[in-house]
Amino acid sequence: MPTLTIKNIPDPVHNALSELAAQDGLSIEAEVCHILTTVCLNNRQPAASLQHLIKQLYQGKAHGPQVEQLLQERRLEAENE
């Protein structure tokens, strides 16, 4: 199974993930996996769902170019489905 490393997560986002993980009885890694699986596979609208999730997580703060690149890739994938 592939590994994903996410850098520069804002403290409030990490804290929220930690709280969600504790509530669900999961590790932070398992919680993130659950969130990504739900957004990417279950909603069937990954680009729009990811964009909404990113806006919630960053709460209006600017995000890096990696996020925009990921969104563009997901939009292309969605168009090709």
PDB file of N, CA and C in Angstrom:
ATOM      1  N   MET A   1       0.851  -1.174   0.000  1.00  0.00           N
ATOM      2  CA  MET A   1       0.000   0.000   0.000  1.00  0.00           C
ATOM      3  C   MET A   1       0.894   1.234   0.000  1.00  0.00           C
ATOM      4  N   PRO A   2       0.584   2.244  -0.811  1.00  0.00           N
ATOM      5  CA  PRO A   2       1.399   3.461  -0.871  1.00  0.00           C
ATOM      6  C   PRO A   2       1.386   4.240   0.442  1.00  0.00           C
ATOM      7  N   THR A   3       2.403   5.053   0.601  1.00  0.00           N
ATOM      8  CA  THR A   3       2.525   5.927   1.766  1.00  0.00           C
ATOM      9  C   THR A   3       2.406   7.362   1.307  1.00  0.00           C
ATOM     10  N   LEU A   4       1.746   8.188   2.116  1.00  0.00           N
ATOM     11  CA  LEU A   4       1.565   9.605   1.816  1.00  0.00           C
ATOM     12  C   LEU A   4       2.086  10.404   2.996  1.00  0.00           C
ATOM     13  N   THR A   5       2.962  11.356   2.725  1.00  0.00           N
ATOM     14  CA  THR A   5       3.467  12.250   3.758  1.00  0.00           C
ATOM     15  C   THR A   5       2.894  13.626   3.509  1.00  0.00           C
ATOM     16  N   ILE A   6       2.309  14.210   4.540  1.00  0.00           N
ATOM     17  CA  ILE A   6       1.719  15.538   4.414  1.00  0.00           C
ATOM     18  C   ILE A   6       2.500  16.478   5.327  1.00  0.00           C
ATOM     19  N   LYS A   7       3.038  17.534   4.743  1.00  0.00           N
ATOM     20  CA  LYS A   7       3.845  18.485   5.503  1.00  0.00           C
ATOM     21  C   LYS A   7       3.066  19.777   5.723  1.00  0.00           C
ATOM     22  N   ASN A   8       3.498  20.516   6.705  1.00  0.00           N
ATOM     23  CA  ASN A   8       3.001  21.869   6.990  1.00  0.00           C
ATOM     24  C   ASN A   8       1.510  21.908   7.299  1.00  0.00           C
ATOM     25  N   ILE A   9       1.033  20.931   8.042  1.00  0.00           N
ATOM     26  CA  ILE A   9      -0.366  20.947   8.477  1.00  0.00           C
ATOM     27  C   ILE A   9      -0.494  21.997   9.568  1.00  0.00           C
ATOM     28  N   PRO A  10      -1.419  22.938   9.417  1.00  0.00           N
ATOM     29  CA  PRO A  10      -1.589  23.957  10.460  1.00  0.00           C
ATOM     30  C   PRO A  10      -1.958  23.309  11.802  1.00  0.00           C
ATOM     31  N   ASP A  11      -1.472  23.893  12.885  1.00  0.00           N
ATOM     32  CA  ASP A  11      -1.739  23.351  14.216  1.00  0.00           C
ATOM     33  C   ASP A  11      -3.226  23.121  14.481  1.00  0.00           C
ATOM     34  N   PRO A  12      -4.117  24.068  14.125  1.00  0.00           N
ATOM     35  CA  PRO A  12      -5.542  23.829  14.388  1.00  0.00           C
ATOM     36  C   PRO A  12      -6.082  22.606  13.640  1.00  0.00           C
ATOM     37  N   VAL A  13      -5.558  22.355  12.445  1.00  0.00           N
ATOM     38  CA  VAL A  13      -5.996  21.188  11.668  1.00  0.00           C
ATOM     39  C   VAL A  13      -5.507  19.914  12.345  1.00  0.00           C
ATOM     40  N   HIS A  14      -4.247  19.906  12.761  1.00  0.00           N
ATOM     41  CA  HIS A  14      -3.709  18.739  13.441  1.00  0.00           C
ATOM     42  C   HIS A  14      -4.471  18.472  14.736  1.00  0.00           C
ATOM     43  N   ASN A  15      -4.773  19.531  15.464  1.00  0.00           N
ATOM     44  CA  ASN A  15      -5.537  19.377  16.709  1.00  0.00           C
ATOM     45  C   ASN A  15      -6.921  18.805  16.436  1.00  0.00           C
ATOM     46  N   ALA A  16      -7.572  19.301  15.381  1.00  0.00           N
ATOM     47  CA  ALA A  16      -8.906  18.797  15.032  1.00  0.00           C
ATOM     48  C   ALA A  16      -8.842  17.332  14.625  1.00  0.00           C
ATOM     49  N   LEU A  17      -7.822  16.968  13.851  1.00  0.00           N
ATOM     50  CA  LEU A  17      -7.658  15.567  13.462  1.00  0.00           C
ATOM     51  C   LEU A  17      -7.425  14.687  14.684  1.00  0.00           C
ATOM     52  N   SER A  18      -6.633  15.185  15.607  1.00  0.00           N
ATOM     53  CA  SER A  18      -6.357  14.438  16.828  1.00  0.00           C
ATOM     54  C   SER A  18      -7.633  14.217  17.633  1.00  0.00           C
ATOM     55  N   GLU A  19      -8.456  15.245  17.742  1.00  0.00           N
ATOM     56  CA  GLU A  19      -9.725  15.132  18.464  1.00  0.00           C
ATOM     57  C   GLU A  19     -10.675  14.155  17.773  1.00  0.00           C
ATOM     58  N   LEU A  20     -10.776  14.265  16.442  1.00  0.00           N
ATOM     59  CA  LEU A  20     -11.631  13.345  15.697  1.00  0.00           C
ATOM     60  C   LEU A  20     -11.165  11.906  15.872  1.00  0.00           C
ATOM     61  N   ALA A  21      -9.862  11.703  15.793  1.00  0.00           N
ATOM     62  CA  ALA A  21      -9.308  10.361  15.942  1.00  0.00           C
ATOM     63  C   ALA A  21      -9.638   9.789  17.325  1.00  0.00           C
ATOM     64  N   ALA A  22      -9.469  10.611  18.356  1.00  0.00           N
ATOM     65  CA  ALA A  22      -9.769  10.159  19.714  1.00  0.00           C
ATOM     66  C   ALA A  22     -11.245   9.809  19.855  1.00  0.00           C
ATOM     67  N   GLN A  23     -12.115  10.633  19.279  1.00  0.00           N
ATOM     68  CA  GLN A  23     -13.554  10.365  19.346  1.00  0.00           C
ATOM     69  C   GLN A  23     -13.918   9.058  18.655  1.00  0.00           C
ATOM     70  N   ASP A  24     -13.215   8.758  17.570  1.00  0.00           N
ATOM     71  CA  ASP A  24     -13.500   7.548  16.806  1.00  0.00           C
ATOM     72  C   ASP A  24     -12.687   6.347  17.270  1.00  0.00           C
ATOM     73  N   GLY A  25     -11.801   6.563  18.242  1.00  0.00           N
ATOM     74  CA  GLY A  25     -10.967   5.476  18.745  1.00  0.00           C
ATOM     75  C   GLY A  25      -9.925   5.020  17.733  1.00  0.00           C
ATOM     76  N   LEU A  26      -9.433   5.968  16.921  1.00  0.00           N
ATOM     77  CA  LEU A  26      -8.463   5.663  15.873  1.00  0.00           C
ATOM     78  C   LEU A  26      -7.184   6.454  16.085  1.00  0.00           C
ATOM     79  N   SER A  27      -6.128   6.027  15.427  1.00  0.00           N
ATOM     80  CA  SER A  27      -4.918   6.842  15.368  1.00  0.00           C
ATOM     81  C   SER A  27      -5.188   7.997  14.403  1.00  0.00           C
ATOM     82  N   ILE A  28      -4.357   9.017  14.447  1.00  0.00           N
ATOM     83  CA  ILE A  28      -4.517  10.130  13.506  1.00  0.00           C
ATOM     84  C   ILE A  28      -4.362   9.616  12.080  1.00  0.00           C
ATOM     85  N   GLU A  29      -3.398   8.731  11.865  1.00  0.00           N
ATOM     86  CA  GLU A  29      -3.186   8.168  10.529  1.00  0.00           C
ATOM     87  C   GLU A  29      -4.441   7.442  10.032  1.00  0.00           C
ATOM     88  N   ALA A  30      -5.050   6.642  10.890  1.00  0.00           N
ATOM     89  CA  ALA A  30      -6.266   5.913  10.503  1.00  0.00           C
ATOM     90  C   ALA A  30      -7.420   6.883  10.252  1.00  0.00           C
ATOM     91  N   GLU A  31      -7.501   7.942  11.050  1.00  0.00           N
ATOM     92  CA  GLU A  31      -8.563   8.938  10.859  1.00  0.00           C
ATOM     93  C   GLU A  31      -8.413   9.634   9.513  1.00  0.00           C
ATOM     94  N   VAL A  32      -7.188  10.032   9.168  1.00  0.00           N
ATOM     95  CA  VAL A  32      -6.934  10.686   7.889  1.00  0.00           C
ATOM     96  C   VAL A  32      -7.268   9.733   6.742  1.00  0.00           C
ATOM     97  N   CYS A  33      -6.882   8.473   6.894  1.00  0.00           N
ATOM     98  CA  CYS A  33      -7.197   7.462   5.872  1.00  0.00           C
ATOM     99  C   CYS A  33      -8.718   7.349   5.697  1.00  0.00           C
ATOM    100  N   HIS A  34      -9.427   7.338   6.802  1.00  0.00           N
ATOM    101  CA  HIS A  34     -10.889   7.252   6.762  1.00  0.00           C
ATOM    102  C   HIS A  34     -11.488   8.472   6.052  1.00  0.00           C
ATOM    103  N   ILE A  35     -11.014   9.651   6.385  1.00  0.00           N
ATOM    104  CA  ILE A  35     -11.526  10.880   5.767  1.00  0.00           C
ATOM    105  C   ILE A  35     -11.255  10.871   4.267  1.00  0.00           C
ATOM    106  N   LEU A  36     -10.025  10.548   3.881  1.00  0.00           N
ATOM    107  CA  LEU A  36      -9.683  10.538   2.457  1.00  0.00           C
ATOM    108  C   LEU A  36     -10.475   9.476   1.697  1.00  0.00           C
ATOM    109  N   THR A  37     -10.652   8.315   2.290  1.00  0.00           N
ATOM    110  CA  THR A  37     -11.435   7.257   1.650  1.00  0.00           C
ATOM    111  C   THR A  37     -12.873   7.707   1.454  1.00  0.00           C
ATOM    112  N   THR A  38     -13.444   8.320   2.477  1.00  0.00           N
ATOM    113  CA  THR A  38     -14.823   8.796   2.389  1.00  0.00           C
ATOM    114  C   THR A  38     -14.966   9.844   1.294  1.00  0.00           C
ATOM    115  N   VAL A  39     -14.058  10.796   1.264  1.00  0.00           N
ATOM    116  CA  VAL A  39     -14.132  11.878   0.288  1.00  0.00           C
ATOM    117  C   VAL A  39     -13.872  11.369  -1.127  1.00  0.00           C
ATOM    118  N   CYS A  40     -12.838  10.570  -1.284  1.00  0.00           N
ATOM    119  CA  CYS A  40     -12.411  10.176  -2.625  1.00  0.00           C
ATOM    120  C   CYS A  40     -13.218   9.029  -3.225  1.00  0.00           C
ATOM    121  N   LEU A  41     -13.691   8.113  -2.414  1.00  0.00           N
ATOM    122  CA  LEU A  41     -14.374   6.946  -2.965  1.00  0.00           C
ATOM    123  C   LEU A  41     -15.878   6.970  -2.777  1.00  0.00           C
ATOM    124  N   ASN A  42     -16.329   7.385  -1.627  1.00  0.00           N
ATOM    125  CA  ASN A  42     -17.760   7.292  -1.333  1.00  0.00           C
ATOM    126  C   ASN A  42     -18.579   8.431  -1.921  1.00  0.00           C
ATOM    127  N   ASN A  43     -18.020   9.619  -1.976  1.00  0.00           N
ATOM    128  CA  ASN A  43     -18.777  10.764  -2.492  1.00  0.00           C
ATOM    129  C   ASN A  43     -18.851  10.782  -4.006  1.00  0.00           C
ATOM    130  N   ARG A  44     -17.862  10.162  -4.664  1.00  0.00           N
ATOM    131  CA  ARG A  44     -17.784  10.116  -6.123  1.00  0.00           C
ATOM    132  C   ARG A  44     -17.651  11.498  -6.746  1.00  0.00           C
ATOM    133  N   GLN A  45     -17.339  12.513  -5.945  1.00  0.00           N
ATOM    134  CA  GLN A  45     -17.047  13.857  -6.434  1.00  0.00           C
ATOM    135  C   GLN A  45     -15.767  14.322  -5.753  1.00  0.00           C
ATOM    136  N   PRO A  46     -14.642  13.660  -6.035  1.00  0.00           N
ATOM    137  CA  PRO A  46     -13.437  13.930  -5.253  1.00  0.00           C
ATOM    138  C   PRO A  46     -12.929  15.358  -5.314  1.00  0.00           C
ATOM    139  N   ALA A  47     -12.932  15.978  -6.481  1.00  0.00           N
ATOM    140  CA  ALA A  47     -12.371  17.331  -6.569  1.00  0.00           C
ATOM    141  C   ALA A  47     -13.195  18.311  -5.746  1.00  0.00           C
ATOM    142  N   ALA A  48     -14.506  18.292  -5.927  1.00  0.00           N
ATOM    143  CA  ALA A  48     -15.367  19.216  -5.194  1.00  0.00           C
ATOM    144  C   ALA A  48     -15.317  18.915  -3.703  1.00  0.00           C
ATOM    145  N   SER A  49     -15.333  17.653  -3.347  1.00  0.00           N
ATOM    146  CA  SER A  49     -15.315  17.281  -1.939  1.00  0.00           C
ATOM    147  C   SER A  49     -13.987  17.641  -1.292  1.00  0.00           C
ATOM    148  N   LEU A  50     -12.890  17.379  -1.997  1.00  0.00           N
ATOM    149  CA  LEU A  50     -11.586  17.742  -1.459  1.00  0.00           C
ATOM    150  C   LEU A  50     -11.460  19.248  -1.292  1.00  0.00           C
ATOM    151  N   GLN A  51     -11.954  19.988  -2.260  1.00  0.00           N
ATOM    152  CA  GLN A  51     -11.875  21.441  -2.172  1.00  0.00           C
ATOM    153  C   GLN A  51     -12.656  21.934  -0.956  1.00  0.00           C
ATOM    154  N   HIS A  52     -13.839  21.380  -0.730  1.00  0.00           N
ATOM    155  CA  HIS A  52     -14.649  21.767   0.428  1.00  0.00           C
ATOM    156  C   HIS A  52     -13.919  21.403   1.728  1.00  0.00           C
ATOM    157  N   LEU A  53     -13.350  20.199   1.774  1.00  0.00           N
ATOM    158  CA  LEU A  53     -12.628  19.768   2.957  1.00  0.00           C
ATOM    159  C   LEU A  53     -11.428  20.672   3.225  1.00  0.00           C
ATOM    160  N   ILE A  54     -10.695  21.017   2.186  1.00  0.00           N
ATOM    161  CA  ILE A  54      -9.523  21.878   2.340  1.00  0.00           C
ATOM    162  C   ILE A  54      -9.939  23.253   2.859  1.00  0.00           C
ATOM    163  N   LYS A  55     -11.025  23.803   2.323  1.00  0.00           N
ATOM    164  CA  LYS A  55     -11.498  25.107   2.818  1.00  0.00           C
ATOM    165  C   LYS A  55     -11.849  25.031   4.292  1.00  0.00           C
ATOM    166  N   GLN A  56     -12.499  23.926   4.700  1.00  0.00           N
ATOM    167  CA  GLN A  56     -12.842  23.763   6.112  1.00  0.00           C
ATOM    168  C   GLN A  56     -11.585  23.643   6.967  1.00  0.00           C
ATOM    169  N   LEU A  57     -10.633  22.833   6.517  1.00  0.00           N
ATOM    170  CA  LEU A  57      -9.438  22.602   7.311  1.00  0.00           C
ATOM    171  C   LEU A  57      -8.577  23.846   7.444  1.00  0.00           C
ATOM    172  N   TYR A  58      -8.454  24.603   6.372  1.00  0.00           N
ATOM    173  CA  TYR A  58      -7.587  25.781   6.397  1.00  0.00           C
ATOM    174  C   TYR A  58      -8.319  27.041   6.862  1.00  0.00           C
ATOM    175  N   GLN A  59      -9.617  26.982   6.995  1.00  0.00           N
ATOM    176  CA  GLN A  59     -10.434  28.077   7.530  1.00  0.00           C
ATOM    177  C   GLN A  59     -10.075  29.432   6.931  1.00  0.00           C
ATOM    178  N   GLY A  60     -10.022  29.468   5.607  1.00  0.00           N
ATOM    179  CA  GLY A  60      -9.782  30.717   4.909  1.00  0.00           C
ATOM    180  C   GLY A  60      -8.325  31.113   4.782  1.00  0.00           C
ATOM    181  N   LYS A  61      -7.424  30.391   5.418  1.00  0.00           N
ATOM    182  CA  LYS A  61      -5.999  30.699   5.303  1.00  0.00           C
ATOM    183  C   LYS A  61      -5.489  30.175   3.973  1.00  0.00           C
ATOM    184  N   ALA A  62      -4.471  30.803   3.462  1.00  0.00           N
ATOM    185  CA  ALA A  62      -3.898  30.394   2.179  1.00  0.00           C
ATOM    186  C   ALA A  62      -3.262  29.018   2.317  1.00  0.00           C
ATOM    187  N   HIS A  63      -3.379  28.216   1.275  1.00  0.00           N
ATOM    188  CA  HIS A  63      -2.733  26.917   1.259  1.00  0.00           C
ATOM    189  C   HIS A  63      -1.662  26.910   0.179  1.00  0.00           C
ATOM    190  N   GLY A  64      -0.782  25.968   0.269  1.00  0.00           N
ATOM    191  CA  GLY A  64       0.363  25.905  -0.634  1.00  0.00           C
ATOM    192  C   GLY A  64      -0.011  25.474  -2.041  1.00  0.00           C
ATOM    193  N   PRO A  65       0.929  25.617  -2.970  1.00  0.00           N
ATOM    194  CA  PRO A  65       0.684  25.240  -4.363  1.00  0.00           C
ATOM    195  C   PRO A  65       0.435  23.745  -4.530  1.00  0.00           C
ATOM    196  N   GLN A  66       0.886  22.933  -3.571  1.00  0.00           N
ATOM    197  CA  GLN A  66       0.660  21.498  -3.658  1.00  0.00           C
ATOM    198  C   GLN A  66      -0.829  21.183  -3.599  1.00  0.00           C
ATOM    199  N   VAL A  67      -1.552  21.918  -2.800  1.00  0.00           N
ATOM    200  CA  VAL A  67      -2.990  21.696  -2.672  1.00  0.00           C
ATOM    201  C   VAL A  67      -3.685  22.023  -3.986  1.00  0.00           C
ATOM    202  N   GLU A  68      -3.334  23.135  -4.579  1.00  0.00           N
ATOM    203  CA  GLU A  68      -3.950  23.520  -5.849  1.00  0.00           C
ATOM    204  C   GLU A  68      -3.606  22.506  -6.935  1.00  0.00           C
ATOM    205  N   GLN A  69      -2.379  22.015  -6.930  1.00  0.00           N
ATOM    206  CA  GLN A  69      -1.979  21.003  -7.912  1.00  0.00           C
ATOM    207  C   GLN A  69      -2.793  19.723  -7.714  1.00  0.00           C
ATOM    208  N   LEU A  70      -2.982  19.314  -6.472  1.00  0.00           N
ATOM    209  CA  LEU A  70      -3.784  18.128  -6.190  1.00  0.00           C
ATOM    210  C   LEU A  70      -5.217  18.309  -6.676  1.00  0.00           C
ATOM    211  N   LEU A  71      -5.782  19.473  -6.417  1.00  0.00           N
ATOM    212  CA  LEU A  71      -7.154  19.740  -6.873  1.00  0.00           C
ATOM    213  C   LEU A  71      -7.246  19.692  -8.403  1.00  0.00           C
ATOM    214  N   GLN A  72      -6.275  20.262  -9.078  1.00  0.00           N
ATOM    215  CA  GLN A  72      -6.280  20.230 -10.546  1.00  0.00           C
ATOM    216  C   GLN A  72      -6.188  18.802 -11.061  1.00  0.00           C
ATOM    217  N   GLU A  73      -5.354  17.983 -10.424  1.00  0.00           N
ATOM    218  CA  GLU A  73      -5.234  16.578 -10.830  1.00  0.00           C
ATOM    219  C   GLU A  73      -6.554  15.846 -10.640  1.00  0.00           C
ATOM    220  N   ARG A  74      -7.214  16.092  -9.518  1.00  0.00           N
ATOM    221  CA  ARG A  74      -8.490  15.417  -9.238  1.00  0.00           C
ATOM    222  C   ARG A  74      -9.583  15.882 -10.202  1.00  0.00           C
ATOM    223  N   ARG A  75      -9.556  17.157 -10.567  1.00  0.00           N
ATOM    224  CA  ARG A  75     -10.544  17.642 -11.546  1.00  0.00           C
ATOM    225  C   ARG A  75     -10.354  16.949 -12.887  1.00  0.00           C
ATOM    226  N   LEU A  76      -9.109  16.803 -13.316  1.00  0.00           N
ATOM    227  CA  LEU A  76      -8.819  16.107 -14.570  1.00  0.00           C
ATOM    228  C   LEU A  76      -9.267  14.649 -14.508  1.00  0.00           C
ATOM    229  N   GLU A  77      -9.001  13.999 -13.386  1.00  0.00           N
ATOM    230  CA  GLU A  77      -9.429  12.616 -13.221  1.00  0.00           C
ATOM    231  C   GLU A  77     -10.949  12.508 -13.299  1.00  0.00           C
ATOM    232  N   ALA A  78     -11.638  13.451 -12.659  1.00  0.00           N
ATOM    233  CA  ALA A  78     -13.096  13.429 -12.662  1.00  0.00           C
ATOM    234  C   ALA A  78     -13.646  13.640 -14.071  1.00  0.00           C
ATOM    235  N   GLU A  79     -13.016  14.503 -14.825  1.00  0.00           N
ATOM    236  CA  GLU A  79     -13.448  14.752 -16.214  1.00  0.00           C
ATOM    237  C   GLU A  79     -13.253  13.529 -17.088  1.00  0.00           C
ATOM    238  N   ASN A  80     -12.226  12.745 -16.792  1.00  0.00           N
ATOM    239  CA  ASN A  80     -11.910  11.574 -17.602  1.00  0.00           C
ATOM    240  C   ASN A  80     -12.714  10.337 -17.203  1.00  0.00           C
ATOM    241  N   GLU A  81     -13.474  10.410 -16.111  1.00  0.00           N
ATOM    242  CA  GLU A  81     -14.276   9.253 -15.691  1.00  0.00           C
ATOM    243  C   GLU A  81     -15.519   9.107 -16.528  1.00  0.00           C
TER     244      GLU A  81
END
